[in-house]
Amino acid sequence: MAEFALSGRMIGLTSGLQITSSSASTPTEVASGQSVKLDCQFTLASEDSGPLDIEWSLVASDNQKDDQVIILYSGDRAYENYDTPVKGRVHFNSPDPKNGDASVNILTVKPTDTGTYQCKVKKAPGVRNKKMQLVVLEKPSKPRCYIEGSSHEGKDVVLRCTSDAGSKPMTYSWEKTTGSKVLPASSVLDPVSGTVSVKNASASASGTYRCTTTNRVGAEQCVLDLSVTPIPNTAGIVAGSIIAVLLILLIIAIILFCFCRARNRKKYEKEICNEIREDVPPPKSRASTARSFTVASQRSSLGSMSPSNLHEYALKPQYDKIPSSEEYDRPPSQAPMPPPSAAKMAGYNLSRMGGIPVMVPAQTRDGSIV
């Protein structure tokens, strides 16, 4: 009975089955997100007459665990739906692997796909296998370029470049893309940390710089602009700041002054208005109104008299004298009669003026004729 070794060397019986793909001395490296082909070509001999079986498995890193079968070809049929990390992403390279191509393709590889894969071809009595190591690497992420320190003349400035993701090791390189396109003579480049330190920077160091991050599977770049300027006039800035603060305070003071002045003026106008209202005389009393009515009636009667009745008017009590409030309130029976001398004087005066005395019927207070 023949004995076989998993290493691919047959002990005892030699068959014609051979795996012709060369064994890689180094791991197969591929960037994350790409596809990779694991090569496994074989040849058969006439004595290999048994059924053809092709099995691909992911070798366990721990000897205590079993290998995981990821795809299988047996009985002229491919089986791909194994519950593994590469399920749905692994397929045979050839639609008919029995023609000598047992290679497989893994699509959209991930860092978790890293490991050792084994191709095993069996056709009794021959058995051969081949192992290969796959390493999935991540390209550097888009680096971030920025400036550390002061960018004034005579100061030290540091240009820094860093990628947050990517497989190690990563190296950094800097170049100037404008002007002389040469890094300043006083600069020091660190390709591991990704920094360029410019000592005692001058205006000639101004320009555009580009950083490139590289690893075994890719590269990414970023750009920054460096502008080295003269040291600003600190005293002038301080003086300007003080003047600006003073102007602001002055404006605030003017606003407060105008507000207070307007408020005081409004208060003063209100007080003056109140004083004017206090100086307005009170309305006339009933006595004054009655007194004015009596005088107006007397003057109207005089204007309508003729010389014939003026004498009779002279005999009546005098109404040119404005009665006092006591006299106005006194009943008619108690009202004093004018002295005779005054009546005569009034009649005499009317005669000299050409007036004619007339008799006017007397009336009581309630308006009836006496």
Protein backbone atom coordinates (compact mmCIF):
# COMPACT_ATOMS: atom_id res chain seq x y z
CA MET A 1 0.00 0.00 0.00
CA ALA A 2 1.36 3.38 -0.97
CA GLU A 3 1.86 6.22 1.54
CA PHE A 4 1.51 9.96 0.69
CA ALA A 5 2.80 13.09 2.38
CA LEU A 6 0.89 16.42 2.55
CA SER A 7 4.00 18.23 1.44
CA GLY A 8 3.42 17.03 -2.13
CA ARG A 9 6.18 14.37 -2.19
CA MET A 10 4.91 10.83 -2.66
CA ILE A 11 6.60 8.09 -0.63
CA GLY A 12 6.51 4.54 -2.04
CA LEU A 13 4.46 4.63 -5.27
CA THR A 14 5.17 7.31 -7.86
CA SER A 15 2.29 8.52 -10.03
CA GLY A 16 2.06 10.82 -13.00
CA LEU A 17 0.02 13.59 -11.24
CA GLN A 18 2.11 16.75 -10.92
CA ILE A 19 1.43 20.37 -9.89
CA THR A 20 3.36 22.45 -12.39
CA SER A 21 2.91 25.92 -10.84
CA SER A 22 6.11 27.10 -9.27
CA SER A 23 6.06 27.59 -5.55
CA ALA A 24 6.48 31.27 -4.60
CA SER A 25 9.42 31.92 -2.34
CA THR A 26 7.79 35.08 -0.99
CA PRO A 27 4.20 35.82 0.06
CA THR A 28 1.78 37.17 -2.52
CA GLU A 29 0.98 40.76 -1.58
CA VAL A 30 -2.09 42.57 -2.79
CA ALA A 31 -3.80 45.83 -1.89
CA SER A 32 -7.09 45.79 -0.05
CA GLY A 33 -10.08 46.03 -2.38
CA GLN A 34 -8.34 44.39 -5.32
CA SER A 35 -8.68 40.85 -6.68
CA VAL A 36 -6.00 38.18 -6.56
CA LYS A 37 -5.40 34.91 -8.39
CA LEU A 38 -4.00 31.92 -6.52
CA ASP A 39 -2.28 29.82 -9.19
CA CYS A 40 -2.49 26.00 -9.17
CA GLN A 41 -1.80 24.23 -12.49
CA PHE A 42 -1.54 20.41 -12.71
CA THR A 43 -0.97 17.58 -15.21
CA LEU A 44 -2.32 13.99 -15.25
CA ALA A 45 -0.80 10.72 -16.42
CA SER A 46 -2.47 7.69 -17.94
CA GLU A 47 -2.22 5.73 -14.75
CA ASP A 48 -4.24 8.38 -12.85
CA SER A 49 -7.64 6.86 -13.50
CA GLY A 50 -9.63 7.70 -10.35
CA PRO A 51 -12.15 10.52 -9.94
CA LEU A 52 -10.72 14.08 -9.90
CA ASP A 53 -11.10 16.08 -6.68
CA ILE A 54 -9.77 19.64 -6.21
CA GLU A 55 -9.91 21.19 -2.76
CA TRP A 56 -8.89 24.68 -1.61
CA SER A 57 -8.63 25.37 2.12
CA LEU A 58 -7.49 28.09 4.49
CA VAL A 59 -4.84 26.61 6.75
CA ALA A 60 -5.49 27.24 10.43
CA SER A 61 -2.81 29.25 12.18
CA ASP A 62 -3.35 27.13 15.28
CA ASN A 63 -2.45 23.49 14.98
CA GLN A 64 -5.27 22.67 17.38
CA LYS A 65 -7.85 23.82 14.84
CA ASP A 66 -8.96 22.29 11.56
CA ASP A 67 -8.40 23.80 8.16
CA GLN A 68 -11.39 25.56 6.55
CA VAL A 69 -12.48 24.39 3.11
CA ILE A 70 -13.33 27.44 0.97
CA ILE A 71 -14.13 25.79 -2.40
CA LEU A 72 -14.31 22.26 -3.78
CA TYR A 73 -14.52 20.55 -7.18
CA SER A 74 -15.76 16.98 -7.20
CA GLY A 75 -17.79 14.83 -9.60
CA ASP A 76 -17.54 17.48 -12.35
CA ARG A 77 -19.21 20.04 -10.06
CA ALA A 78 -17.96 23.08 -8.09
CA TYR A 79 -19.05 23.71 -4.51
CA GLU A 80 -18.55 27.34 -3.36
CA ASN A 81 -21.06 28.01 -0.57
CA TYR A 82 -18.85 27.16 2.39
CA ASP A 83 -19.31 29.30 5.49
CA THR A 84 -15.94 31.05 5.46
CA PRO A 85 -14.69 34.67 5.45
CA VAL A 86 -14.37 34.54 1.64
CA LYS A 87 -17.84 33.10 0.99
CA GLY A 88 -19.28 34.48 -2.24
CA ARG A 89 -15.94 36.02 -3.29
CA VAL A 90 -13.97 32.93 -4.34
CA HIS A 91 -14.42 31.18 -7.72
CA PHE A 92 -12.46 28.78 -9.93
CA ASN A 93 -10.45 30.53 -12.60
CA SER A 94 -11.50 28.00 -15.27
CA PRO A 95 -15.08 26.91 -15.93
CA ASP A 96 -13.78 23.33 -16.29
CA PRO A 97 -10.98 22.73 -13.76
CA LYS A 98 -10.44 19.09 -14.89
CA ASN A 99 -8.51 20.42 -17.89
CA GLY A 100 -5.54 21.13 -15.63
CA ASP A 101 -6.30 24.58 -14.14
CA ALA A 102 -7.25 24.41 -10.46
CA SER A 103 -6.48 28.12 -9.83
CA VAL A 104 -8.99 30.28 -7.95
CA ASN A 105 -9.74 34.01 -7.87
CA ILE A 106 -10.59 35.89 -4.67
CA LEU A 107 -12.47 39.12 -5.33
CA THR A 108 -12.29 42.36 -3.33
CA VAL A 109 -9.84 41.07 -0.80
CA LYS A 110 -9.83 42.34 2.76
CA PRO A 111 -7.12 42.51 5.40
CA THR A 112 -8.87 39.61 7.14
CA ASP A 113 -8.18 37.44 4.07
CA THR A 114 -4.51 37.34 4.97
CA GLY A 115 -3.36 33.76 5.60
CA THR A 116 -1.98 30.53 4.12
CA TYR A 117 -4.01 28.82 1.39
CA GLN A 118 -3.56 25.22 0.17
CA CYS A 119 -4.46 23.71 -3.21
CA LYS A 120 -4.90 19.91 -3.11
CA VAL A 121 -5.42 17.84 -6.30
CA LYS A 122 -6.40 14.19 -6.00
CA LYS A 123 -6.84 11.64 -8.79
CA ALA A 124 -6.19 8.16 -7.59
CA PRO A 125 -3.69 6.96 -7.13
CA GLY A 126 -1.99 10.41 -7.35
CA VAL A 127 -2.24 13.19 -4.75
CA ARG A 128 -0.46 16.55 -4.87
CA ASN A 129 -0.79 19.81 -2.91
CA LYS A 130 0.65 23.27 -2.93
CA LYS A 131 0.65 25.96 -0.23
CA MET A 132 0.92 29.70 -0.73
CA GLN A 133 0.76 32.69 1.58
CA LEU A 134 -1.47 35.67 0.88
CA VAL A 135 -0.87 39.05 2.49
CA VAL A 136 -3.52 41.74 2.05
CA LEU A 137 -2.09 45.25 2.53
CA GLU A 138 -3.82 48.59 2.86
CA LYS A 139 -2.76 51.51 0.76
CA PRO A 140 -1.85 54.65 2.68
CA SER A 141 -4.82 56.88 3.41
CA LYS A 142 -4.90 60.41 2.07
CA PRO A 143 -2.21 62.17 4.14
CA ARG A 144 -2.79 65.44 5.95
CA CYS A 145 -0.26 68.23 5.47
CA TYR A 146 0.04 71.09 7.94
CA ILE A 147 2.49 73.62 9.39
CA GLU A 148 3.75 73.68 12.96
CA GLY A 149 5.37 76.71 14.52
CA SER A 150 5.65 80.32 13.40
CA SER A 151 6.03 81.13 9.71
CA HIS A 152 7.82 84.43 10.32
CA GLU A 153 11.31 85.18 9.12
CA GLY A 154 14.04 83.99 11.45
CA LYS A 155 11.79 81.43 13.15
CA ASP A 156 11.87 77.63 12.95
CA VAL A 157 8.99 76.08 11.02
CA VAL A 158 8.04 72.40 10.66
CA LEU A 159 6.13 70.90 7.73
CA ARG A 160 4.36 67.74 8.84
CA CYS A 161 2.69 64.97 6.82
CA THR A 162 0.81 62.00 8.28
CA SER A 163 -1.48 59.18 7.08
CA ASP A 164 -3.96 57.78 9.57
CA ALA A 165 -4.36 54.40 7.86
CA GLY A 166 -2.22 52.07 5.78
CA SER A 167 -0.04 49.00 6.14
CA LYS A 168 3.37 49.49 7.65
CA PRO A 169 6.03 50.34 6.88
CA MET A 170 5.24 53.68 5.28
CA THR A 171 7.80 56.21 4.11
CA TYR A 172 7.38 59.93 3.53
CA SER A 173 9.07 62.16 1.01
CA TRP A 174 8.88 65.95 0.50
CA GLU A 175 9.54 68.08 -2.57
CA LYS A 176 9.11 71.74 -3.46
CA THR A 177 7.05 72.27 -6.60
CA THR A 178 7.55 76.03 -7.09
CA GLY A 179 10.51 78.36 -7.30
CA SER A 180 13.84 76.57 -7.19
CA LYS A 181 12.06 73.21 -6.57
CA VAL A 182 14.71 72.38 -4.02
CA LEU A 183 14.18 72.08 -0.30
CA PRO A 184 15.74 74.91 1.72
CA ALA A 185 19.39 74.36 2.59
CA SER A 186 18.59 74.62 6.31
CA SER A 187 15.85 71.95 6.16
CA VAL A 188 16.06 68.46 7.69
CA LEU A 189 13.88 65.63 6.31
CA ASP A 190 12.68 62.70 8.42
CA PRO A 191 11.19 60.03 6.07
CA VAL A 192 9.78 57.95 8.95
CA SER A 193 7.88 60.64 10.85
CA GLY A 194 7.14 62.63 7.69
CA THR A 195 8.49 66.01 8.83
CA VAL A 196 10.65 68.68 7.26
CA SER A 197 12.22 71.06 9.79
CA VAL A 198 13.28 74.42 8.35
CA LYS A 199 15.69 76.28 10.62
CA ASN A 200 15.84 80.09 10.60
CA ALA A 201 13.29 80.32 7.79
CA SER A 202 13.68 83.07 5.20
CA ALA A 203 11.44 84.43 2.45
CA SER A 204 13.15 82.10 -0.07
CA ALA A 205 11.55 79.13 1.73
CA SER A 206 8.08 80.30 0.66
CA GLY A 207 6.34 78.19 -1.94
CA THR A 208 4.25 75.05 -2.54
CA TYR A 209 5.36 71.73 -1.08
CA ARG A 210 4.14 68.20 -1.81
CA CYS A 211 4.33 65.20 0.49
CA THR A 212 4.09 61.60 -0.78
CA THR A 213 3.25 58.67 1.51
CA THR A 214 4.32 55.27 0.17
CA ASN A 215 4.11 51.62 1.20
CA ARG A 216 4.45 48.35 -0.72
CA VAL A 217 1.03 48.55 -2.36
CA GLY A 218 0.38 52.22 -3.07
CA ALA A 219 1.03 55.90 -2.51
CA GLU A 220 -0.94 59.04 -1.69
CA GLN A 221 -0.08 62.76 -1.74
CA CYS A 222 -1.00 66.06 -0.13
CA VAL A 223 0.01 69.67 -0.86
CA LEU A 224 0.50 72.78 1.29
CA ASP A 225 1.57 76.39 0.75
CA LEU A 226 4.22 77.97 2.96
CA SER A 227 4.43 81.75 3.19
CA VAL A 228 7.31 83.15 5.25
CA THR A 229 6.53 86.76 6.24
CA PRO A 230 8.43 89.46 8.15
CA ILE A 231 7.87 89.75 11.87
CA PRO A 232 4.92 92.13 12.42
CA ASN A 233 5.26 95.46 14.27
CA THR A 234 4.00 94.44 17.68
CA ALA A 235 4.11 97.97 19.12
CA GLY A 236 1.95 99.28 16.29
CA ILE A 237 -0.58 96.51 16.78
CA VAL A 238 -0.80 97.25 20.52
CA ALA A 239 -1.20 100.98 19.91
CA GLY A 240 -3.87 100.39 17.30
CA SER A 241 -5.74 98.07 19.66
CA ILE A 242 -5.67 100.68 22.44
CA ILE A 243 -6.94 103.40 20.10
CA ALA A 244 -9.73 101.15 18.88
CA VAL A 245 -10.79 100.40 22.45
CA LEU A 246 -10.77 104.11 23.34
CA LEU A 247 -12.87 104.96 20.29
CA ILE A 248 -15.39 102.33 21.23
CA LEU A 249 -15.60 103.66 24.78
CA LEU A 250 -16.00 107.22 23.44
CA ILE A 251 -18.84 106.18 21.18
CA ILE A 252 -20.56 104.43 24.07
CA ALA A 253 -20.16 107.52 26.26
CA ILE A 254 -21.65 109.79 23.54
CA ILE A 255 -24.62 107.46 23.13
CA LEU A 256 -25.24 107.42 26.90
CA PHE A 257 -24.94 111.23 27.08
CA CYS A 258 -27.44 111.76 24.27
CA PHE A 259 -29.82 109.28 25.85
CA CYS A 260 -29.68 110.96 29.27
CA ARG A 261 -30.07 114.42 27.74
CA ALA A 262 -33.11 113.39 25.76
CA ARG A 263 -34.61 111.80 28.84
CA ASN A 264 -34.07 114.94 30.97
CA ARG A 265 -35.53 117.17 28.23
CA LYS A 266 -38.64 115.07 28.04
CA LYS A 267 -39.02 115.21 31.82
CA TYR A 268 -38.56 119.03 31.81
CA GLU A 269 -41.20 119.51 29.09
CA LYS A 270 -43.63 117.40 31.09
CA GLU A 271 -43.10 119.56 34.23
CA ILE A 272 -43.57 122.81 32.24
CA CYS A 273 -46.82 121.47 30.83
CA ASN A 274 -48.08 120.72 34.34
CA GLU A 275 -47.15 124.25 35.54
CA ILE A 276 -49.06 125.84 32.65
CA ARG A 277 -52.16 123.86 33.48
CA GLU A 278 -51.97 125.04 37.11
CA ASP A 279 -51.90 128.74 35.97
CA VAL A 280 -55.15 128.46 33.93
CA PRO A 281 -57.98 130.39 35.76
CA PRO A 282 -61.02 128.44 36.91
CA PRO A 283 -64.33 128.76 34.96
CA LYS A 284 -66.64 131.66 35.78
CA SER A 285 -69.24 131.22 38.54
CA ARG A 286 -72.99 131.53 38.09
CA ALA A 287 -72.93 134.99 39.64
CA SER A 288 -70.46 136.28 37.09
CA THR A 289 -72.48 134.75 34.25
CA ALA A 290 -75.67 136.28 35.49
CA ARG A 291 -73.94 139.63 35.93
CA SER A 292 -72.72 139.59 32.34
CA PHE A 293 -76.18 138.64 31.08
CA THR A 294 -77.77 141.56 32.98
CA VAL A 295 -75.36 144.12 31.57
CA ALA A 296 -75.86 142.81 28.04
CA SER A 297 -79.66 142.98 28.44
CA GLN A 298 -79.50 146.54 29.70
CA ARG A 299 -77.36 147.69 26.80
CA SER A 300 -79.73 146.00 24.34
CA SER A 301 -82.73 147.75 25.88
CA LEU A 302 -81.05 151.13 25.70
CA GLY A 303 -80.27 150.68 22.08
CA SER A 304 -83.95 150.03 21.22
CA MET A 305 -85.41 152.94 23.19
CA SER A 306 -86.81 156.08 21.59
CA PRO A 307 -86.77 159.59 23.12
CA SER A 308 -90.45 159.21 24.04
CA ASN A 309 -89.93 156.35 26.38
CA LEU A 310 -86.45 157.31 27.63
CA HIS A 311 -88.00 159.35 30.47
CA GLU A 312 -89.85 156.39 31.76
CA TYR A 313 -86.69 154.36 31.57
CA ALA A 314 -84.95 156.91 33.74
CA LEU A 315 -87.48 156.32 36.46
CA LYS A 316 -86.62 152.64 36.59
CA PRO A 317 -83.89 151.27 38.79
CA GLN A 318 -80.40 151.64 37.42
CA TYR A 319 -79.04 148.50 35.75
CA ASP A 320 -75.68 149.90 34.83
CA LYS A 321 -74.48 148.96 38.26
CA ILE A 322 -73.48 145.29 38.40
CA PRO A 323 -75.08 143.70 41.45
CA SER A 324 -73.07 141.73 43.85
CA SER A 325 -73.61 138.03 44.37
CA GLU A 326 -75.60 138.79 47.56
CA GLU A 327 -77.85 141.22 45.76
CA TYR A 328 -78.33 138.76 42.85
CA ASP A 329 -79.49 136.05 45.19
CA ARG A 330 -81.81 138.40 47.16
CA PRO A 331 -85.59 138.12 46.36
CA PRO A 332 -87.14 140.94 44.27
CA SER A 333 -89.13 142.20 47.20
CA GLN A 334 -85.96 142.84 49.13
CA ALA A 335 -83.94 144.39 46.31
CA PRO A 336 -83.04 148.07 47.20
CA MET A 337 -84.40 150.83 45.07
CA PRO A 338 -82.01 153.33 43.56
CA PRO A 339 -81.94 156.78 45.17
CA PRO A 340 -84.19 159.40 43.60
CA SER A 341 -81.31 161.63 42.81
CA ALA A 342 -79.81 158.93 40.64
CA ALA A 343 -83.08 158.50 38.69
CA LYS A 344 -83.39 162.19 38.08
CA MET A 345 -79.80 162.42 36.99
CA ALA A 346 -80.35 159.63 34.53
CA GLY A 347 -83.49 161.30 33.08
CA TYR A 348 -81.73 164.64 32.75
CA ASN A 349 -78.86 163.10 30.94
CA LEU A 350 -81.16 161.28 28.55
CA SER A 351 -83.00 164.54 27.76
CA ARG A 352 -79.74 166.27 26.91
CA MET A 353 -78.82 163.43 24.61
CA GLY A 354 -82.14 163.85 22.71
CA GLY A 355 -83.66 160.72 24.13
CA ILE A 356 -87.38 160.32 24.74
CA PRO A 357 -88.42 158.63 27.96
CA VAL A 358 -90.81 155.79 27.58
CA MET A 359 -92.73 153.62 30.03
CA VAL A 360 -91.68 150.02 30.22
CA PRO A 361 -93.97 147.61 31.98
CA ALA A 362 -92.51 146.14 35.06
CA GLN A 363 -92.07 142.38 35.33
CA THR A 364 -91.66 140.10 38.24
CA ARG A 365 -88.84 137.50 38.50
CA ASP A 366 -91.04 134.78 37.10
CA GLY A 367 -91.76 136.90 33.99
CA SER A 368 -95.35 138.18 34.72
CA ILE A 369 -96.28 141.89 34.06
CA VAL A 370 -97.07 144.04 37.09
